[in-house]
């Protein structure tokens, strides 16, 4: 059981702003509100594949 690197993508501009690591056996996809430097505001970021 290792960890895999995933990206968080802004829902507004679709830019990859953040990199995270999570367990490989985690089934659910992460959704979190974070600051987007391209939109200059807080937006919903979803985990990419």
C-alpha atoms as a PDB file:
ATOM      1  CA  UNK A   1       0.000   0.000   0.000  1.00  0.00           C
ATOM      2  CA  UNK A   2       1.892   3.007  -1.296  1.00  0.00           C
ATOM      3  CA  UNK A   3       0.982   6.564  -2.069  1.00  0.00           C
ATOM      4  CA  UNK A   4       0.273   8.042  -5.469  1.00  0.00           C
ATOM      5  CA  UNK A   5       0.694  11.598  -6.713  1.00  0.00           C
ATOM      6  CA  UNK A   6      -2.471  13.327  -7.941  1.00  0.00           C
ATOM      7  CA  UNK A   7      -3.289  16.826  -9.145  1.00  0.00           C
ATOM      8  CA  UNK A   8      -6.000  19.213  -8.022  1.00  0.00           C
ATOM      9  CA  UNK A   9      -7.669  20.983 -10.956  1.00  0.00           C
ATOM     10  CA  UNK A  10      -9.606  24.244 -10.747  1.00  0.00           C
ATOM     11  CA  UNK A  11     -13.226  23.893 -11.868  1.00  0.00           C
ATOM     12  CA  UNK A  12     -13.301  27.423 -13.314  1.00  0.00           C
ATOM     13  CA  UNK A  13     -10.161  27.638 -15.477  1.00  0.00           C
ATOM     14  CA  UNK A  14      -9.106  23.931 -15.509  1.00  0.00           C
ATOM     15  CA  UNK A  15      -5.530  24.696 -14.478  1.00  0.00           C
ATOM     16  CA  UNK A  16      -3.535  22.214 -12.393  1.00  0.00           C
ATOM     17  CA  UNK A  17      -2.622  24.257  -9.340  1.00  0.00           C
ATOM     18  CA  UNK A  18      -1.800  21.785  -6.567  1.00  0.00           C
ATOM     19  CA  UNK A  19      -0.103  18.392  -6.228  1.00  0.00           C
ATOM     20  CA  UNK A  20      -1.048  16.027  -3.409  1.00  0.00           C
ATOM     21  CA  UNK A  21      -0.270  12.455  -2.412  1.00  0.00           C
ATOM     22  CA  UNK A  22      -2.929  10.043  -1.251  1.00  0.00           C
ATOM     23  CA  UNK A  23      -3.242   6.364  -0.454  1.00  0.00           C
ATOM     24  CA  UNK A  24      -3.700   4.047  -3.417  1.00  0.00           C
ATOM     25  CA  UNK A  25      -6.650   2.276  -1.804  1.00  0.00           C
ATOM     26  CA  UNK A  26      -8.686   5.511  -1.341  1.00  0.00           C
ATOM     27  CA  UNK A  27     -11.803   5.217  -3.504  1.00  0.00           C
ATOM     28  CA  UNK A  28     -13.395   8.669  -3.226  1.00  0.00           C
ATOM     29  CA  UNK A  29     -12.164  11.673  -5.196  1.00  0.00           C
ATOM     30  CA  UNK A  30     -11.134  14.739  -3.255  1.00  0.00           C
ATOM     31  CA  UNK A  31     -13.056  18.036  -3.666  1.00  0.00           C
ATOM     32  CA  UNK A  32     -11.802  21.062  -1.759  1.00  0.00           C
ATOM     33  CA  UNK A  33     -12.029  24.839  -1.997  1.00  0.00           C
ATOM     34  CA  UNK A  34      -8.549  26.293  -2.536  1.00  0.00           C
ATOM     35  CA  UNK A  35      -7.076  29.510  -3.900  1.00  0.00           C
ATOM     36  CA  UNK A  36      -6.552  29.582  -7.671  1.00  0.00           C
ATOM     37  CA  UNK A  37      -3.709  31.914  -8.708  1.00  0.00           C
ATOM     38  CA  UNK A  38      -5.084  32.137 -12.254  1.00  0.00           C
ATOM     39  CA  UNK A  39      -8.655  33.111 -11.238  1.00  0.00           C
ATOM     40  CA  UNK A  40      -7.425  35.206  -8.266  1.00  0.00           C
ATOM     41  CA  UNK A  41     -10.085  33.771  -5.935  1.00  0.00           C
ATOM     42  CA  UNK A  42     -11.102  30.673  -4.013  1.00  0.00           C
ATOM     43  CA  UNK A  43     -12.694  28.018  -6.244  1.00  0.00           C
ATOM     44  CA  UNK A  44     -13.589  24.360  -6.052  1.00  0.00           C
ATOM     45  CA  UNK A  45     -10.658  22.082  -6.922  1.00  0.00           C
ATOM     46  CA  UNK A  46     -11.234  18.449  -7.832  1.00  0.00           C
ATOM     47  CA  UNK A  47      -8.802  15.580  -7.996  1.00  0.00           C
ATOM     48  CA  UNK A  48      -7.768  14.470 -11.466  1.00  0.00           C
ATOM     49  CA  UNK A  49      -7.041  10.917 -12.531  1.00  0.00           C
END
